[in-house]
């Protein structure tokens, strides 16, 4: 299971001087990167909710599937397949992982997780994000991490261009890397944007036995 601790490929654009041209060719690349980041920020702001099917793959290759429900700001639910007694819920301020098999609950602030970049539409990505080259104009990849808080981990979000999605981008999935190098990949399908989602979707039942007073 991946989210025992808060949730990328690294790449960089290199400036290469050409005889007679100096660094002129770097300017369009910088502009394209800024435009891509602006598009991602616009997409996040324009997406108030989303539902999708997901497939989760951990660093050992274990695959689990389920249903993702997201409502900004801060709310998310990973409902796993029926034979997996796990649930992950973000209620707007905290992420909680519930293991119903062993009746264990773990919780941490959303802002301390890489998912904070996905769940907070008002977060200024220009301070934490960089666009990674993908080799395709139809794919936008953005890596987000706080250099001052490496313990919060890294998330690399991947979008594909889709005119029917908010701001022309559709979130295809992400790769999260926590401070213990636990790598998790989430692939999404059947995305639906800005659908009605009740706040009750982010409630959960505590499996821990109540202590008698």
C-alpha atoms as a PDB file:
ATOM      1  CA  UNK A   1       0.000   0.000   0.000  1.00  0.00           C
ATOM      2  CA  UNK A   2       1.418   3.336  -1.023  1.00  0.00           C
ATOM      3  CA  UNK A   3       0.183   6.088   1.208  1.00  0.00           C
ATOM      4  CA  UNK A   4       1.740   4.983   4.457  1.00  0.00           C
ATOM      5  CA  UNK A   5       3.525   8.323   4.399  1.00  0.00           C
ATOM      6  CA  UNK A   6       2.574  11.563   2.621  1.00  0.00           C
ATOM      7  CA  UNK A   7       2.936  11.475  -1.100  1.00  0.00           C
ATOM      8  CA  UNK A   8       9.270  11.443 -10.769  1.00  0.00           C
ATOM      9  CA  UNK A   9      11.169  11.409 -13.259  1.00  0.00           C
ATOM     10  CA  UNK A  10      13.541  14.354 -13.297  1.00  0.00           C
ATOM     11  CA  UNK A  11      14.501  16.245 -16.402  1.00  0.00           C
ATOM     12  CA  UNK A  12      15.763  19.701 -17.283  1.00  0.00           C
ATOM     13  CA  UNK A  13      15.971  21.941 -20.312  1.00  0.00           C
ATOM     14  CA  UNK A  14      19.531  22.851 -21.235  1.00  0.00           C
ATOM     15  CA  UNK A  15      20.545  26.090 -22.894  1.00  0.00           C
ATOM     16  CA  UNK A  16      23.005  25.480 -25.722  1.00  0.00           C
ATOM     17  CA  UNK A  17      24.654  28.516 -27.364  1.00  0.00           C
ATOM     18  CA  UNK A  18      24.766  28.382 -31.170  1.00  0.00           C
ATOM     19  CA  UNK A  19      27.275  30.329 -33.224  1.00  0.00           C
ATOM     20  CA  UNK A  20      25.778  33.655 -34.270  1.00  0.00           C
ATOM     21  CA  UNK A  21      22.587  33.134 -32.311  1.00  0.00           C
ATOM     22  CA  UNK A  22      23.714  33.251 -28.681  1.00  0.00           C
ATOM     23  CA  UNK A  23      20.866  32.017 -26.472  1.00  0.00           C
ATOM     24  CA  UNK A  24      18.056  33.208 -28.697  1.00  0.00           C
ATOM     25  CA  UNK A  25      16.592  29.728 -29.110  1.00  0.00           C
ATOM     26  CA  UNK A  26      16.132  29.428 -25.361  1.00  0.00           C
ATOM     27  CA  UNK A  27      13.541  32.201 -25.263  1.00  0.00           C
ATOM     28  CA  UNK A  28      10.740  30.272 -27.011  1.00  0.00           C
ATOM     29  CA  UNK A  29      11.428  27.257 -24.777  1.00  0.00           C
ATOM     30  CA  UNK A  30      11.104  29.418 -21.670  1.00  0.00           C
ATOM     31  CA  UNK A  31       7.916  30.988 -23.035  1.00  0.00           C
ATOM     32  CA  UNK A  32       6.456  27.571 -23.831  1.00  0.00           C
ATOM     33  CA  UNK A  33       7.252  26.362 -20.336  1.00  0.00           C
ATOM     34  CA  UNK A  34       5.581  29.414 -18.781  1.00  0.00           C
ATOM     35  CA  UNK A  35       2.529  28.949 -20.998  1.00  0.00           C
ATOM     36  CA  UNK A  36       2.257  25.280 -20.075  1.00  0.00           C
ATOM     37  CA  UNK A  37       2.480  26.072 -16.364  1.00  0.00           C
ATOM     38  CA  UNK A  38      -0.139  28.796 -16.756  1.00  0.00           C
ATOM     39  CA  UNK A  39      -2.433  26.316 -18.527  1.00  0.00           C
ATOM     40  CA  UNK A  40      -2.042  23.810 -15.698  1.00  0.00           C
ATOM     41  CA  UNK A  41      -2.797  26.484 -13.107  1.00  0.00           C
ATOM     42  CA  UNK A  42      -5.887  27.522 -15.092  1.00  0.00           C
ATOM     43  CA  UNK A  43      -7.024  23.898 -15.310  1.00  0.00           C
ATOM     44  CA  UNK A  44      -6.751  23.420 -11.558  1.00  0.00           C
ATOM     45  CA  UNK A  45      -8.681  26.616 -10.873  1.00  0.00           C
ATOM     46  CA  UNK A  46     -11.378  25.652 -13.396  1.00  0.00           C
ATOM     47  CA  UNK A  47     -11.837  22.154 -11.967  1.00  0.00           C
ATOM     48  CA  UNK A  48     -14.056  22.259  -8.908  1.00  0.00           C
ATOM     49  CA  UNK A  49     -14.604  18.496  -8.866  1.00  0.00           C
ATOM     50  CA  UNK A  50     -13.630  15.339 -10.699  1.00  0.00           C
ATOM     51  CA  UNK A  51     -14.459  11.651 -10.655  1.00  0.00           C
ATOM     52  CA  UNK A  52     -12.391   8.966 -12.366  1.00  0.00           C
ATOM     53  CA  UNK A  53     -11.410   5.332 -12.317  1.00  0.00           C
ATOM     54  CA  UNK A  54      -7.836   4.804 -11.160  1.00  0.00           C
ATOM     55  CA  UNK A  55      -5.138   2.159 -11.256  1.00  0.00           C
ATOM     56  CA  UNK A  56      -2.447   2.495  -8.611  1.00  0.00           C
ATOM     57  CA  UNK A  57       0.991   0.917  -9.073  1.00  0.00           C
ATOM     58  CA  UNK A  58       3.558   0.925  -6.297  1.00  0.00           C
ATOM     59  CA  UNK A  59       7.331   0.599  -6.645  1.00  0.00           C
ATOM     60  CA  UNK A  60       7.063  -3.204  -6.311  1.00  0.00           C
ATOM     61  CA  UNK A  61       4.686  -3.375  -9.258  1.00  0.00           C
ATOM     62  CA  UNK A  62       1.613  -4.153  -7.160  1.00  0.00           C
ATOM     63  CA  UNK A  63      -1.525  -2.844  -8.863  1.00  0.00           C
ATOM     64  CA  UNK A  64      -4.787  -1.847  -7.231  1.00  0.00           C
ATOM     65  CA  UNK A  65      -7.802  -0.215  -8.815  1.00  0.00           C
ATOM     66  CA  UNK A  66     -10.739   1.814  -7.626  1.00  0.00           C
ATOM     67  CA  UNK A  67     -12.738   5.016  -7.883  1.00  0.00           C
ATOM     68  CA  UNK A  68     -11.345   8.510  -7.317  1.00  0.00           C
ATOM     69  CA  UNK A  69     -13.543  11.379  -6.175  1.00  0.00           C
ATOM     70  CA  UNK A  70     -12.066  14.873  -5.881  1.00  0.00           C
ATOM     71  CA  UNK A  71     -13.583  18.136  -4.729  1.00  0.00           C
ATOM     72  CA  UNK A  72     -11.521  21.255  -4.272  1.00  0.00           C
ATOM     73  CA  UNK A  73     -10.283  22.623  -2.036  1.00  0.00           C
ATOM     74  CA  UNK A  74      -8.687  19.741  -0.218  1.00  0.00           C
ATOM     75  CA  UNK A  75     -11.170  16.886  -0.566  1.00  0.00           C
ATOM     76  CA  UNK A  76     -10.297  13.558  -2.161  1.00  0.00           C
ATOM     77  CA  UNK A  77     -11.375   9.931  -1.797  1.00  0.00           C
ATOM     78  CA  UNK A  78      -9.645   6.782  -3.032  1.00  0.00           C
ATOM     79  CA  UNK A  79     -12.239   4.008  -2.855  1.00  0.00           C
ATOM     80  CA  UNK A  80     -10.372   0.776  -3.567  1.00  0.00           C
ATOM     81  CA  UNK A  81     -11.682  -2.391  -5.201  1.00  0.00           C
ATOM     82  CA  UNK A  82     -13.983  -4.498  -3.042  1.00  0.00           C
ATOM     83  CA  UNK A  83     -11.362  -7.028  -1.949  1.00  0.00           C
ATOM     84  CA  UNK A  84      -9.019  -4.296  -0.640  1.00  0.00           C
ATOM     85  CA  UNK A  85     -10.035  -3.145   2.891  1.00  0.00           C
ATOM     86  CA  UNK A  86      -8.382   0.252   2.551  1.00  0.00           C
ATOM     87  CA  UNK A  87      -9.737   3.765   2.185  1.00  0.00           C
ATOM     88  CA  UNK A  88      -7.962   7.107   1.776  1.00  0.00           C
ATOM     89  CA  UNK A  89      -9.914  10.299   2.409  1.00  0.00           C
ATOM     90  CA  UNK A  90      -8.989  13.969   2.411  1.00  0.00           C
ATOM     91  CA  UNK A  91     -11.575  16.067   4.238  1.00  0.00           C
ATOM     92  CA  UNK A  92     -10.227  19.485   3.275  1.00  0.00           C
ATOM     93  CA  UNK A  93      -7.483  19.732   5.869  1.00  0.00           C
ATOM     94  CA  UNK A  94      -6.153  16.226   6.545  1.00  0.00           C
ATOM     95  CA  UNK A  95      -5.487  13.049   4.600  1.00  0.00           C
ATOM     96  CA  UNK A  96      -6.502   9.900   6.422  1.00  0.00           C
ATOM     97  CA  UNK A  97      -5.700   6.300   5.543  1.00  0.00           C
ATOM     98  CA  UNK A  98      -8.011   3.718   7.067  1.00  0.00           C
ATOM     99  CA  UNK A  99      -7.069   0.039   7.089  1.00  0.00           C
ATOM    100  CA  UNK A 100     -10.246  -1.809   8.003  1.00  0.00           C
ATOM    101  CA  UNK A 101      -8.503  -5.181   8.156  1.00  0.00           C
ATOM    102  CA  UNK A 102      -6.236  -4.261  11.063  1.00  0.00           C
ATOM    103  CA  UNK A 103      -8.465  -1.408  12.309  1.00  0.00           C
ATOM    104  CA  UNK A 104      -5.702   1.162  11.973  1.00  0.00           C
ATOM    105  CA  UNK A 105      -5.973   4.857  11.117  1.00  0.00           C
ATOM    106  CA  UNK A 106      -3.162   7.193  10.024  1.00  0.00           C
ATOM    107  CA  UNK A 107      -3.559  10.882   9.312  1.00  0.00           C
ATOM    108  CA  UNK A 108      -1.471  13.891   8.241  1.00  0.00           C
ATOM    109  CA  UNK A 109      -2.107  17.419   6.934  1.00  0.00           C
ATOM    110  CA  UNK A 110      -2.964  17.653   3.247  1.00  0.00           C
ATOM    111  CA  UNK A 111      -0.424  20.457   2.847  1.00  0.00           C
ATOM    112  CA  UNK A 112       2.332  18.066   3.978  1.00  0.00           C
ATOM    113  CA  UNK A 113       1.597  15.730   1.080  1.00  0.00           C
ATOM    114  CA  UNK A 114       2.474  16.035  -2.618  1.00  0.00           C
ATOM    115  CA  UNK A 115      -1.277  15.844  -3.214  1.00  0.00           C
ATOM    116  CA  UNK A 116      -1.509  19.366  -1.813  1.00  0.00           C
ATOM    117  CA  UNK A 117      -0.494  20.689  -5.234  1.00  0.00           C
ATOM    118  CA  UNK A 118      -3.433  18.892  -6.802  1.00  0.00           C
ATOM    119  CA  UNK A 119      -6.012  19.736  -4.161  1.00  0.00           C
ATOM    120  CA  UNK A 120      -5.337  23.449  -3.619  1.00  0.00           C
ATOM    121  CA  UNK A 121      -6.366  25.416  -6.740  1.00  0.00           C
ATOM    122  CA  UNK A 122      -5.045  28.661  -5.247  1.00  0.00           C
ATOM    123  CA  UNK A 123      -1.531  27.391  -4.719  1.00  0.00           C
ATOM    124  CA  UNK A 124       0.945  29.354  -6.833  1.00  0.00           C
ATOM    125  CA  UNK A 125       2.629  26.653  -8.889  1.00  0.00           C
ATOM    126  CA  UNK A 126       5.251  29.066 -10.220  1.00  0.00           C
ATOM    127  CA  UNK A 127       6.970  28.922  -6.807  1.00  0.00           C
ATOM    128  CA  UNK A 128       7.195  25.138  -6.664  1.00  0.00           C
ATOM    129  CA  UNK A 129       6.707  23.658 -10.139  1.00  0.00           C
ATOM    130  CA  UNK A 130       8.641  23.143 -13.313  1.00  0.00           C
ATOM    131  CA  UNK A 131       7.578  21.798 -16.686  1.00  0.00           C
ATOM    132  CA  UNK A 132       9.325  18.607 -17.772  1.00  0.00           C
ATOM    133  CA  UNK A 133       9.949  17.780 -21.441  1.00  0.00           C
ATOM    134  CA  UNK A 134       7.671  15.033 -22.754  1.00  0.00           C
ATOM    135  CA  UNK A 135       8.556  14.771 -26.442  1.00  0.00           C
ATOM    136  CA  UNK A 136       4.962  15.544 -27.430  1.00  0.00           C
ATOM    137  CA  UNK A 137       3.048  18.801 -27.786  1.00  0.00           C
ATOM    138  CA  UNK A 138      -0.070  16.915 -26.684  1.00  0.00           C
ATOM    139  CA  UNK A 139       1.344  15.974 -23.278  1.00  0.00           C
ATOM    140  CA  UNK A 140       2.206  18.363 -20.431  1.00  0.00           C
ATOM    141  CA  UNK A 141       4.185  17.110 -17.446  1.00  0.00           C
ATOM    142  CA  UNK A 142       4.685  19.244 -14.344  1.00  0.00           C
ATOM    143  CA  UNK A 143       6.847  18.380 -11.357  1.00  0.00           C
ATOM    144  CA  UNK A 144       5.903  20.015  -8.054  1.00  0.00           C
ATOM    145  CA  UNK A 145       8.003  20.037  -4.897  1.00  0.00           C
ATOM    146  CA  UNK A 146       8.858  22.478  -2.154  1.00  0.00           C
ATOM    147  CA  UNK A 147      12.671  22.785  -1.977  1.00  0.00           C
ATOM    148  CA  UNK A 148      12.340  24.104   1.564  1.00  0.00           C
ATOM    149  CA  UNK A 149      10.245  21.092   2.610  1.00  0.00           C
ATOM    150  CA  UNK A 150      11.762  17.993   0.970  1.00  0.00           C
ATOM    151  CA  UNK A 151       9.966  15.838   3.521  1.00  0.00           C
ATOM    152  CA  UNK A 152       6.701  16.711   1.768  1.00  0.00           C
ATOM    153  CA  UNK A 153       7.784  14.684  -1.264  1.00  0.00           C
ATOM    154  CA  UNK A 154       7.335  15.259  -4.991  1.00  0.00           C
ATOM    155  CA  UNK A 155       4.421  14.883  -7.363  1.00  0.00           C
ATOM    156  CA  UNK A 156       4.718  14.814 -11.146  1.00  0.00           C
ATOM    157  CA  UNK A 157       1.354  15.425 -12.802  1.00  0.00           C
ATOM    158  CA  UNK A 158       0.750  14.426 -16.406  1.00  0.00           C
ATOM    159  CA  UNK A 159      -1.893  16.115 -18.545  1.00  0.00           C
ATOM    160  CA  UNK A 160      -3.029  15.528 -22.111  1.00  0.00           C
ATOM    161  CA  UNK A 161      -4.547  18.228 -24.268  1.00  0.00           C
ATOM    162  CA  UNK A 162      -8.308  17.799 -24.539  1.00  0.00           C
ATOM    163  CA  UNK A 163     -10.569  20.562 -25.805  1.00  0.00           C
ATOM    164  CA  UNK A 164     -13.533  19.187 -23.849  1.00  0.00           C
ATOM    165  CA  UNK A 165     -11.728  19.375 -20.490  1.00  0.00           C
ATOM    166  CA  UNK A 166     -11.274  22.473 -18.265  1.00  0.00           C
ATOM    167  CA  UNK A 167      -8.749  24.884 -19.839  1.00  0.00           C
ATOM    168  CA  UNK A 168      -8.096  22.303 -22.540  1.00  0.00           C
ATOM    169  CA  UNK A 169      -6.242  19.843 -20.303  1.00  0.00           C
ATOM    170  CA  UNK A 170      -7.196  16.444 -18.913  1.00  0.00           C
ATOM    171  CA  UNK A 171      -5.332  15.021 -15.943  1.00  0.00           C
ATOM    172  CA  UNK A 172      -4.071  11.595 -17.035  1.00  0.00           C
ATOM    173  CA  UNK A 173      -2.433  10.741 -13.733  1.00  0.00           C
ATOM    174  CA  UNK A 174       0.592  11.399 -11.559  1.00  0.00           C
ATOM    175  CA  UNK A 175       3.673   9.895  -9.953  1.00  0.00           C
ATOM    176  CA  UNK A 176       4.256  10.618  -6.266  1.00  0.00           C
ATOM    177  CA  UNK A 177       7.547  10.158  -4.448  1.00  0.00           C
ATOM    178  CA  UNK A 178       7.644  10.582  -0.700  1.00  0.00           C
ATOM    179  CA  UNK A 179      10.645  11.373   1.484  1.00  0.00           C
ATOM    180  CA  UNK A 180      11.284   7.639   2.002  1.00  0.00           C
ATOM    181  CA  UNK A 181      11.485   7.116  -1.771  1.00  0.00           C
ATOM    182  CA  UNK A 182       8.179   5.260  -1.861  1.00  0.00           C
ATOM    183  CA  UNK A 183       7.085   5.694  -5.469  1.00  0.00           C
ATOM    184  CA  UNK A 184       3.430   5.503  -6.461  1.00  0.00           C
ATOM    185  CA  UNK A 185       1.900   5.864  -9.900  1.00  0.00           C
ATOM    186  CA  UNK A 186      -1.756   6.711 -10.451  1.00  0.00           C
ATOM    187  CA  UNK A 187      -3.314   6.279 -13.909  1.00  0.00           C
ATOM    188  CA  UNK A 188      -6.758   7.770 -14.496  1.00  0.00           C
ATOM    189  CA  UNK A 189      -9.535   6.967 -16.951  1.00  0.00           C
ATOM    190  CA  UNK A 190     -13.207   7.897 -17.460  1.00  0.00           C
ATOM    191  CA  UNK A 191     -12.615  11.369 -16.020  1.00  0.00           C
ATOM    192  CA  UNK A 192     -15.676  13.531 -15.435  1.00  0.00           C
ATOM    193  CA  UNK A 193     -15.160  17.179 -14.507  1.00  0.00           C
ATOM    194  CA  UNK A 194     -17.236  19.597 -12.448  1.00  0.00           C
ATOM    195  CA  UNK A 195     -19.904  17.086 -11.534  1.00  0.00           C
ATOM    196  CA  UNK A 196     -22.025  17.323  -8.398  1.00  0.00           C
ATOM    197  CA  UNK A 197     -20.183  15.763  -5.450  1.00  0.00           C
ATOM    198  CA  UNK A 198     -21.700  15.756  -1.958  1.00  0.00           C
ATOM    199  CA  UNK A 199     -19.469  16.533   1.022  1.00  0.00           C
ATOM    200  CA  UNK A 200     -20.706  13.275   2.557  1.00  0.00           C
ATOM    201  CA  UNK A 201     -18.479  11.456   0.043  1.00  0.00           C
ATOM    202  CA  UNK A 202     -15.511  12.422   2.203  1.00  0.00           C
ATOM    203  CA  UNK A 203     -16.769  10.976   5.461  1.00  0.00           C
ATOM    204  CA  UNK A 204     -15.541   7.646   6.770  1.00  0.00           C
ATOM    205  CA  UNK A 205     -16.279   5.151   9.508  1.00  0.00           C
ATOM    206  CA  UNK A 206     -13.659   4.773  12.221  1.00  0.00           C
ATOM    207  CA  UNK A 207     -12.888   1.051  12.693  1.00  0.00           C
ATOM    208  CA  UNK A 208     -11.037   1.506  15.969  1.00  0.00           C
ATOM    209  CA  UNK A 209     -12.868   0.165  19.027  1.00  0.00           C
ATOM    210  CA  UNK A 210     -14.309   2.806  21.275  1.00  0.00           C
ATOM    211  CA  UNK A 211     -12.787   3.012  24.726  1.00  0.00           C
ATOM    212  CA  UNK A 212     -15.239   2.846  27.565  1.00  0.00           C
ATOM    213  CA  UNK A 213     -15.156   5.735  29.970  1.00  0.00           C
END
